[in-house]
Amino acid sequence: MHTLMVLTGGFVLLFFCQLVARAFAGAGVNPMAKAMLIFIPLWFVIAAINMWVGINHAGYTFMQELPIFALVFGVPAAAALFTWWRLRSLTKEQ
């Protein structure tokens, strides 16, 4: 259940990054693409903190937490990379 909540948090953060990009940089493809690239290292840090909490407070080992970290980081990061790729291809077509 915790993994699902963290994954949901990742997608909420991704959406929030898109909203911030639109609010401060205006409408368009380039600010949205940049927001996707900003999201990835930000989400990596948050997912790593989640992993650290699992190791230090929940009592899991590094090897037990590693697949969960890969899932928690990888799914929202893959969505962000796919969105970035699609936005960049739209820019090239224009």
Protein backbone atom coordinates (compact mmCIF):
# COMPACT_ATOMS: atom_id res chain seq x y z
CA MET A 1 0.00 0.00 0.00
CA HIS A 2 2.84 2.38 0.82
CA THR A 3 4.43 1.78 -2.58
CA LEU A 4 1.17 2.68 -4.31
CA MET A 5 0.90 5.87 -2.28
CA VAL A 6 4.47 6.87 -3.15
CA LEU A 7 3.87 6.13 -6.84
CA THR A 8 0.74 8.28 -6.72
CA GLY A 9 2.80 11.00 -5.07
CA GLY A 10 5.25 10.79 -7.96
CA PHE A 11 2.53 11.36 -10.51
CA VAL A 12 1.10 14.21 -8.43
CA LEU A 13 4.55 15.81 -8.36
CA LEU A 14 4.85 15.33 -12.12
CA PHE A 15 1.52 17.09 -12.61
CA PHE A 16 2.58 19.85 -10.19
CA CYS A 17 5.80 20.40 -12.16
CA GLN A 18 3.73 20.80 -15.31
CA LEU A 19 1.44 23.31 -13.58
CA VAL A 20 4.37 25.33 -12.28
CA ALA A 21 5.96 25.38 -15.73
CA ARG A 22 2.73 26.60 -17.28
CA ALA A 23 2.14 29.21 -14.56
CA PHE A 24 5.62 30.71 -14.55
CA ALA A 25 6.93 30.07 -18.06
CA GLY A 26 3.69 30.32 -19.99
CA ALA A 27 1.96 27.98 -22.37
CA GLY A 28 3.97 26.11 -24.90
CA VAL A 29 5.97 22.98 -25.48
CA ASN A 30 9.43 24.08 -24.29
CA PRO A 31 8.49 24.97 -20.68
CA MET A 32 6.62 21.69 -20.34
CA ALA A 33 9.57 19.72 -21.72
CA LYS A 34 11.92 21.50 -19.33
CA ALA A 35 9.59 20.68 -16.43
CA MET A 36 9.86 17.00 -17.30
CA LEU A 37 13.65 17.16 -17.11
CA ILE A 38 13.52 19.03 -13.79
CA PHE A 39 11.13 16.46 -12.36
CA ILE A 40 13.47 13.49 -12.87
CA PRO A 41 16.32 14.47 -10.51
CA LEU A 42 13.82 15.89 -8.03
CA TRP A 43 11.91 12.61 -8.00
CA PHE A 44 15.16 10.64 -7.74
CA VAL A 45 16.02 12.47 -4.52
CA ILE A 46 12.54 11.93 -3.09
CA ALA A 47 12.55 8.23 -4.05
CA ALA A 48 16.02 7.85 -2.51
CA ILE A 49 14.78 9.43 0.73
CA ASN A 50 11.87 6.98 0.69
CA MET A 51 14.38 4.14 0.28
CA TRP A 52 16.50 5.49 3.13
CA VAL A 53 13.44 5.59 5.38
CA GLY A 54 12.63 2.00 4.46
CA ILE A 55 16.15 0.92 5.35
CA ASN A 56 16.67 2.93 8.53
CA HIS A 57 13.20 3.01 10.06
CA ALA A 58 11.26 0.07 8.63
CA GLY A 59 14.18 -2.35 8.99
CA TYR A 60 14.47 -3.51 5.38
CA THR A 61 17.85 -4.26 3.85
CA PHE A 62 19.27 -2.39 0.88
CA MET A 63 18.68 -5.37 -1.40
CA GLN A 64 15.06 -5.64 -0.24
CA GLU A 65 14.45 -1.95 -0.91
CA LEU A 66 16.27 -1.78 -4.25
CA PRO A 67 13.48 -3.29 -6.42
CA ILE A 68 10.92 -1.08 -4.70
CA PHE A 69 13.12 1.96 -5.35
CA ALA A 70 13.44 0.95 -9.00
CA LEU A 71 9.67 0.71 -9.30
CA VAL A 72 8.92 3.88 -7.33
CA PHE A 73 11.48 5.93 -9.25
CA GLY A 74 11.24 4.23 -12.61
CA VAL A 75 7.52 4.40 -13.38
CA PRO A 76 7.02 8.17 -12.91
CA ALA A 77 10.46 8.89 -14.43
CA ALA A 78 9.57 6.79 -17.49
CA ALA A 79 6.31 8.71 -17.82
CA ALA A 80 8.23 11.98 -17.61
CA LEU A 81 10.79 10.84 -20.19
CA PHE A 82 8.07 9.66 -22.55
CA THR A 83 6.25 12.99 -22.17
CA TRP A 84 9.49 14.88 -22.74
CA TRP A 85 10.22 12.80 -25.85
CA ARG A 86 6.74 13.45 -27.26
CA LEU A 87 6.97 17.17 -26.53
CA ARG A 88 10.39 17.40 -28.19
CA SER A 89 9.10 15.57 -31.26
CA LEU A 90 6.21 18.03 -31.46
CA THR A 91 8.70 20.90 -31.38
CA LYS A 92 10.67 19.41 -34.28
CA GLU A 93 7.51 19.02 -36.37
CA GLN A 94 6.59 22.69 -36.06
